[in-house]
Amino acid sequence: MKKLFPTLLQQQNREQGISLLLDISADLHYFDGHFPGAPVLAGVAQLDWAVQFSQQFLLGNRLVVSVEVLKFQQMVQPGCQLLLELDVQKADTSTFSYRCGERTMASGRLKWGPAVE
């Protein structure tokens, strides 16, 4: 069975958020058919992970109401270790960025609604 989430190798709490080191292995579901012979991690998967990890580690049971300044700068391929940095800017705003070494791979800002029950 293919995995839906990367393996979490390391986490570090920071003043405004958290840093997560993620192993992007070839057995992730998102590489199937995207693209044969040259697998690339879909941007929708990166956005989903940013939302889900933000909920899990920082914001709890809240829903995203909008996504802003979303940028995919570099293609993510299997075998990469991504550093995902999640930061809370205001009560209703957080940012995320994915880095592989010195290269920024993707980034964006998330606007959050109130907590849901």
N, C-alpha and C. Protein backbone atom coordinates (compact mmCIF):
# COMPACT_ATOMS: atom_id res chain seq x y z
N MET A 1 0.84 -1.18 0.00
CA MET A 1 0.00 0.00 0.00
C MET A 1 0.88 1.25 0.00
N LYS A 2 0.54 2.19 -0.85
CA LYS A 2 1.30 3.42 -0.97
C LYS A 2 0.99 4.36 0.20
N LYS A 3 1.98 5.14 0.58
CA LYS A 3 1.84 6.08 1.69
C LYS A 3 1.23 7.40 1.21
N LEU A 4 0.46 8.04 2.10
CA LEU A 4 -0.12 9.34 1.81
C LEU A 4 0.67 10.49 2.43
N PHE A 5 1.49 10.17 3.43
CA PHE A 5 2.29 11.19 4.10
C PHE A 5 3.75 10.80 4.10
N PRO A 6 4.63 11.78 4.05
CA PRO A 6 6.05 11.49 4.15
C PRO A 6 6.41 11.05 5.57
N THR A 7 7.55 10.41 5.70
CA THR A 7 8.04 10.02 7.02
C THR A 7 8.61 11.25 7.71
N LEU A 8 8.17 11.47 8.94
CA LEU A 8 8.67 12.58 9.75
C LEU A 8 9.97 12.15 10.39
N LEU A 9 11.08 12.76 9.98
CA LEU A 9 12.39 12.39 10.49
C LEU A 9 12.77 13.17 11.75
N GLN A 10 12.31 14.41 11.80
CA GLN A 10 12.72 15.27 12.92
C GLN A 10 11.74 16.43 13.04
N GLN A 11 11.52 16.87 14.25
CA GLN A 11 10.72 18.08 14.46
C GLN A 11 11.41 18.96 15.48
N GLN A 12 11.27 20.26 15.27
CA GLN A 12 11.88 21.23 16.17
C GLN A 12 10.92 22.38 16.37
N ASN A 13 10.54 22.63 17.62
CA ASN A 13 9.70 23.77 17.93
C ASN A 13 10.52 25.04 17.81
N ARG A 14 9.87 26.08 17.29
CA ARG A 14 10.50 27.39 17.17
C ARG A 14 9.58 28.42 17.80
N GLU A 15 10.03 29.64 17.94
CA GLU A 15 9.27 30.68 18.62
C GLU A 15 7.87 30.86 18.05
N GLN A 16 7.74 30.95 16.74
CA GLN A 16 6.45 31.19 16.11
C GLN A 16 5.85 29.95 15.45
N GLY A 17 6.55 28.81 15.54
CA GLY A 17 6.03 27.65 14.83
C GLY A 17 6.85 26.40 15.05
N ILE A 18 7.00 25.66 13.98
CA ILE A 18 7.68 24.37 14.05
C ILE A 18 8.38 24.09 12.73
N SER A 19 9.47 23.36 12.80
CA SER A 19 10.18 22.87 11.61
C SER A 19 10.08 21.35 11.59
N LEU A 20 9.72 20.80 10.45
CA LEU A 20 9.58 19.36 10.29
C LEU A 20 10.48 18.90 9.15
N LEU A 21 11.32 17.91 9.40
CA LEU A 21 12.15 17.34 8.36
C LEU A 21 11.42 16.10 7.84
N LEU A 22 11.11 16.10 6.55
CA LEU A 22 10.29 15.06 5.93
C LEU A 22 11.09 14.29 4.89
N ASP A 23 10.97 12.97 4.93
CA ASP A 23 11.61 12.11 3.93
C ASP A 23 10.62 11.88 2.80
N ILE A 24 10.97 12.31 1.61
CA ILE A 24 10.10 12.18 0.45
C ILE A 24 10.53 10.94 -0.33
N SER A 25 9.94 9.81 0.05
CA SER A 25 10.33 8.53 -0.56
C SER A 25 9.50 8.23 -1.81
N ALA A 26 10.03 7.38 -2.63
CA ALA A 26 9.40 7.03 -3.91
C ALA A 26 8.09 6.26 -3.73
N ASP A 27 7.83 5.73 -2.51
CA ASP A 27 6.61 4.95 -2.31
C ASP A 27 5.41 5.80 -1.89
N LEU A 28 5.50 7.11 -2.06
CA LEU A 28 4.36 7.98 -1.79
C LEU A 28 3.34 7.86 -2.93
N HIS A 29 2.10 7.78 -2.56
CA HIS A 29 0.99 7.67 -3.51
C HIS A 29 1.04 8.74 -4.61
N TYR A 30 1.46 9.94 -4.26
CA TYR A 30 1.40 11.09 -5.16
C TYR A 30 2.36 10.99 -6.34
N PHE A 31 3.31 10.09 -6.30
CA PHE A 31 4.22 9.92 -7.43
C PHE A 31 3.64 9.01 -8.52
N ASP A 32 2.61 8.24 -8.20
CA ASP A 32 2.02 7.34 -9.19
C ASP A 32 1.42 8.14 -10.34
N GLY A 33 1.99 7.94 -11.54
CA GLY A 33 1.47 8.59 -12.73
C GLY A 33 1.77 10.06 -12.85
N HIS A 34 2.62 10.58 -11.99
CA HIS A 34 2.90 12.03 -11.99
C HIS A 34 4.40 12.27 -11.95
N PHE A 35 5.11 12.02 -12.87
CA PHE A 35 4.92 11.58 -14.24
C PHE A 35 5.77 10.34 -14.47
N PRO A 36 5.32 9.41 -15.30
CA PRO A 36 6.10 8.19 -15.55
C PRO A 36 7.51 8.53 -16.06
N GLY A 37 8.51 7.92 -15.43
CA GLY A 37 9.89 8.15 -15.84
C GLY A 37 10.53 9.38 -15.23
N ALA A 38 9.75 10.29 -14.74
CA ALA A 38 10.28 11.51 -14.12
C ALA A 38 9.30 11.97 -13.03
N PRO A 39 9.23 11.23 -11.90
CA PRO A 39 8.24 11.54 -10.87
C PRO A 39 8.45 12.90 -10.21
N VAL A 40 7.34 13.61 -10.02
CA VAL A 40 7.34 14.93 -9.40
C VAL A 40 6.21 14.96 -8.38
N LEU A 41 6.49 15.50 -7.21
CA LEU A 41 5.47 15.61 -6.17
C LEU A 41 4.49 16.70 -6.54
N ALA A 42 3.22 16.35 -6.61
CA ALA A 42 2.17 17.30 -6.98
C ALA A 42 2.08 18.44 -5.97
N GLY A 43 1.84 19.63 -6.48
CA GLY A 43 1.69 20.79 -5.61
C GLY A 43 0.52 20.65 -4.66
N VAL A 44 -0.55 20.00 -5.10
CA VAL A 44 -1.71 19.82 -4.23
C VAL A 44 -1.35 18.99 -3.00
N ALA A 45 -0.43 18.04 -3.14
CA ALA A 45 0.03 17.24 -2.00
C ALA A 45 0.81 18.12 -1.03
N GLN A 46 1.67 18.97 -1.55
CA GLN A 46 2.44 19.86 -0.70
C GLN A 46 1.54 20.82 0.08
N LEU A 47 0.52 21.34 -0.58
CA LEU A 47 -0.43 22.22 0.09
C LEU A 47 -1.21 21.45 1.16
N ASP A 48 -1.67 20.25 0.82
CA ASP A 48 -2.41 19.43 1.78
C ASP A 48 -1.57 19.13 3.01
N TRP A 49 -0.31 18.77 2.83
CA TRP A 49 0.56 18.49 3.97
C TRP A 49 0.75 19.72 4.84
N ALA A 50 0.94 20.89 4.21
CA ALA A 50 1.11 22.12 4.98
C ALA A 50 -0.12 22.37 5.85
N VAL A 51 -1.30 22.16 5.29
CA VAL A 51 -2.54 22.35 6.05
C VAL A 51 -2.64 21.32 7.17
N GLN A 52 -2.46 20.05 6.84
CA GLN A 52 -2.64 19.00 7.83
C GLN A 52 -1.61 19.07 8.96
N PHE A 53 -0.35 19.34 8.63
CA PHE A 53 0.66 19.46 9.68
C PHE A 53 0.43 20.71 10.52
N SER A 54 -0.07 21.80 9.92
CA SER A 54 -0.41 23.01 10.69
C SER A 54 -1.51 22.70 11.68
N GLN A 55 -2.52 21.96 11.24
CA GLN A 55 -3.60 21.58 12.15
C GLN A 55 -3.08 20.67 13.27
N GLN A 56 -2.26 19.72 12.92
CA GLN A 56 -1.77 18.74 13.89
C GLN A 56 -0.87 19.38 14.95
N PHE A 57 0.05 20.24 14.53
CA PHE A 57 1.07 20.74 15.44
C PHE A 57 0.82 22.15 15.98
N LEU A 58 0.01 22.96 15.29
CA LEU A 58 -0.08 24.37 15.69
C LEU A 58 -1.49 24.90 15.94
N LEU A 59 -2.43 24.58 15.07
CA LEU A 59 -3.69 25.31 15.08
C LEU A 59 -4.91 24.49 15.48
N GLY A 60 -4.76 23.21 15.61
CA GLY A 60 -5.88 22.38 16.02
C GLY A 60 -6.96 22.28 14.95
N ASN A 61 -8.17 22.12 15.39
CA ASN A 61 -9.29 21.82 14.52
C ASN A 61 -9.88 23.09 13.88
N ARG A 62 -9.13 23.65 12.95
CA ARG A 62 -9.58 24.83 12.21
C ARG A 62 -9.51 24.51 10.72
N LEU A 63 -10.27 25.24 9.95
CA LEU A 63 -10.31 25.02 8.51
C LEU A 63 -9.69 26.21 7.79
N VAL A 64 -9.04 25.93 6.67
CA VAL A 64 -8.47 26.98 5.84
C VAL A 64 -9.60 27.67 5.08
N VAL A 65 -9.60 29.01 5.11
CA VAL A 65 -10.61 29.75 4.36
C VAL A 65 -10.04 30.34 3.07
N SER A 66 -8.71 30.50 3.01
CA SER A 66 -8.10 30.95 1.75
C SER A 66 -6.60 30.64 1.75
N VAL A 67 -6.07 30.55 0.55
CA VAL A 67 -4.64 30.32 0.33
C VAL A 67 -4.14 31.53 -0.46
N GLU A 68 -3.04 32.12 0.00
CA GLU A 68 -2.51 33.32 -0.63
C GLU A 68 -1.03 33.12 -0.98
N VAL A 69 -0.55 33.92 -1.88
CA VAL A 69 0.84 33.94 -2.34
C VAL A 69 1.45 32.53 -2.47
N LEU A 70 0.72 31.63 -3.05
CA LEU A 70 1.17 30.25 -3.24
C LEU A 70 2.16 30.20 -4.39
N LYS A 71 3.36 29.68 -4.10
CA LYS A 71 4.41 29.61 -5.12
C LYS A 71 5.07 28.25 -5.08
N PHE A 72 5.20 27.64 -6.24
CA PHE A 72 5.96 26.39 -6.39
C PHE A 72 7.18 26.74 -7.23
N GLN A 73 8.34 26.87 -6.57
CA GLN A 73 9.54 27.35 -7.25
C GLN A 73 10.37 26.24 -7.89
N GLN A 74 10.42 25.07 -7.26
CA GLN A 74 11.26 23.97 -7.73
C GLN A 74 10.45 22.67 -7.68
N MET A 75 10.76 21.74 -8.56
CA MET A 75 10.10 20.44 -8.54
C MET A 75 10.70 19.56 -7.44
N VAL A 76 9.83 18.86 -6.73
CA VAL A 76 10.25 17.94 -5.68
C VAL A 76 10.18 16.53 -6.23
N GLN A 77 11.30 15.82 -6.14
CA GLN A 77 11.39 14.46 -6.66
C GLN A 77 11.67 13.49 -5.51
N PRO A 78 11.42 12.20 -5.74
CA PRO A 78 11.69 11.20 -4.70
C PRO A 78 13.14 11.26 -4.24
N GLY A 79 13.34 10.95 -2.96
CA GLY A 79 14.68 10.91 -2.40
C GLY A 79 15.10 12.21 -1.73
N CYS A 80 14.30 13.22 -1.86
CA CYS A 80 14.60 14.52 -1.26
C CYS A 80 14.19 14.51 0.21
N GLN A 81 14.92 15.22 1.03
CA GLN A 81 14.49 15.49 2.40
C GLN A 81 14.08 16.95 2.44
N LEU A 82 12.80 17.16 2.71
CA LEU A 82 12.26 18.52 2.74
C LEU A 82 12.15 19.03 4.16
N LEU A 83 12.55 20.27 4.36
CA LEU A 83 12.34 20.95 5.62
C LEU A 83 11.09 21.79 5.45
N LEU A 84 10.04 21.44 6.18
CA LEU A 84 8.80 22.20 6.16
C LEU A 84 8.78 23.11 7.37
N GLU A 85 8.73 24.41 7.13
CA GLU A 85 8.67 25.38 8.21
C GLU A 85 7.27 25.98 8.24
N LEU A 86 6.62 25.84 9.39
CA LEU A 86 5.27 26.34 9.61
C LEU A 86 5.33 27.41 10.68
N ASP A 87 4.78 28.58 10.39
CA ASP A 87 4.80 29.69 11.34
C ASP A 87 3.42 30.32 11.45
N VAL A 88 3.02 30.64 12.68
CA VAL A 88 1.78 31.37 12.92
C VAL A 88 2.14 32.85 12.94
N GLN A 89 1.53 33.62 12.06
CA GLN A 89 1.80 35.06 11.95
C GLN A 89 0.85 35.87 12.82
N LYS A 90 -0.44 35.54 12.73
CA LYS A 90 -1.51 36.16 13.52
C LYS A 90 -2.47 35.05 13.88
N ALA A 91 -3.48 35.37 14.66
CA ALA A 91 -4.44 34.35 15.10
C ALA A 91 -5.09 33.62 13.93
N ASP A 92 -5.24 34.33 12.79
CA ASP A 92 -5.92 33.71 11.64
C ASP A 92 -5.02 33.51 10.43
N THR A 93 -3.70 33.65 10.60
CA THR A 93 -2.79 33.58 9.46
C THR A 93 -1.54 32.76 9.81
N SER A 94 -1.17 31.88 8.90
CA SER A 94 0.09 31.14 9.04
C SER A 94 0.78 31.09 7.70
N THR A 95 2.08 30.81 7.74
CA THR A 95 2.85 30.66 6.51
C THR A 95 3.53 29.31 6.52
N PHE A 96 3.89 28.85 5.33
CA PHE A 96 4.65 27.61 5.21
C PHE A 96 5.69 27.77 4.11
N SER A 97 6.77 27.04 4.27
CA SER A 97 7.77 26.96 3.20
C SER A 97 8.43 25.59 3.25
N TYR A 98 8.71 25.08 2.07
CA TYR A 98 9.44 23.83 1.91
C TYR A 98 10.81 24.16 1.36
N ARG A 99 11.84 23.60 2.00
CA ARG A 99 13.20 23.81 1.53
C ARG A 99 13.90 22.47 1.39
N CYS A 100 14.73 22.38 0.40
CA CYS A 100 15.60 21.22 0.20
C CYS A 100 17.01 21.80 0.11
N GLY A 101 17.76 21.63 1.19
CA GLY A 101 19.07 22.29 1.25
C GLY A 101 18.87 23.79 1.28
N GLU A 102 19.54 24.49 0.40
CA GLU A 102 19.43 25.95 0.33
C GLU A 102 18.30 26.42 -0.57
N ARG A 103 17.69 25.50 -1.30
CA ARG A 103 16.66 25.88 -2.28
C ARG A 103 15.26 25.89 -1.67
N THR A 104 14.53 26.97 -1.90
CA THR A 104 13.12 27.01 -1.53
C THR A 104 12.35 26.31 -2.63
N MET A 105 11.55 25.32 -2.24
CA MET A 105 10.81 24.53 -3.20
C MET A 105 9.38 25.06 -3.39
N ALA A 106 8.75 25.49 -2.29
CA ALA A 106 7.38 26.01 -2.34
C ALA A 106 7.13 26.84 -1.09
N SER A 107 6.15 27.74 -1.19
CA SER A 107 5.78 28.55 -0.02
C SER A 107 4.37 29.11 -0.22
N GLY A 108 3.80 29.58 0.87
CA GLY A 108 2.47 30.18 0.79
C GLY A 108 2.01 30.68 2.14
N ARG A 109 0.83 31.29 2.12
CA ARG A 109 0.21 31.81 3.33
C ARG A 109 -1.21 31.24 3.41
N LEU A 110 -1.59 30.84 4.60
CA LEU A 110 -2.91 30.25 4.82
C LEU A 110 -3.71 31.15 5.76
N LYS A 111 -4.96 31.40 5.40
CA LYS A 111 -5.90 32.13 6.27
C LYS A 111 -6.83 31.08 6.87
N TRP A 112 -7.04 31.18 8.19
CA TRP A 112 -7.79 30.17 8.93
C TRP A 112 -9.09 30.74 9.48
N GLY A 113 -10.11 29.90 9.49
CA GLY A 113 -11.37 30.25 10.13
C GLY A 113 -11.32 29.90 11.59
N PRO A 114 -12.42 30.11 12.30
CA PRO A 114 -12.47 29.77 13.73
C PRO A 114 -12.44 28.27 13.93
N ALA A 115 -12.12 27.85 15.14
CA ALA A 115 -12.09 26.42 15.48
C ALA A 115 -13.46 25.81 15.26
N VAL A 116 -13.48 24.57 14.76
CA VAL A 116 -14.73 23.84 14.56
C VAL A 116 -14.81 22.70 15.54
N GLU A 117 -16.01 22.33 15.89
CA GLU A 117 -16.20 21.22 16.86
C GLU A 117 -16.45 19.92 16.16
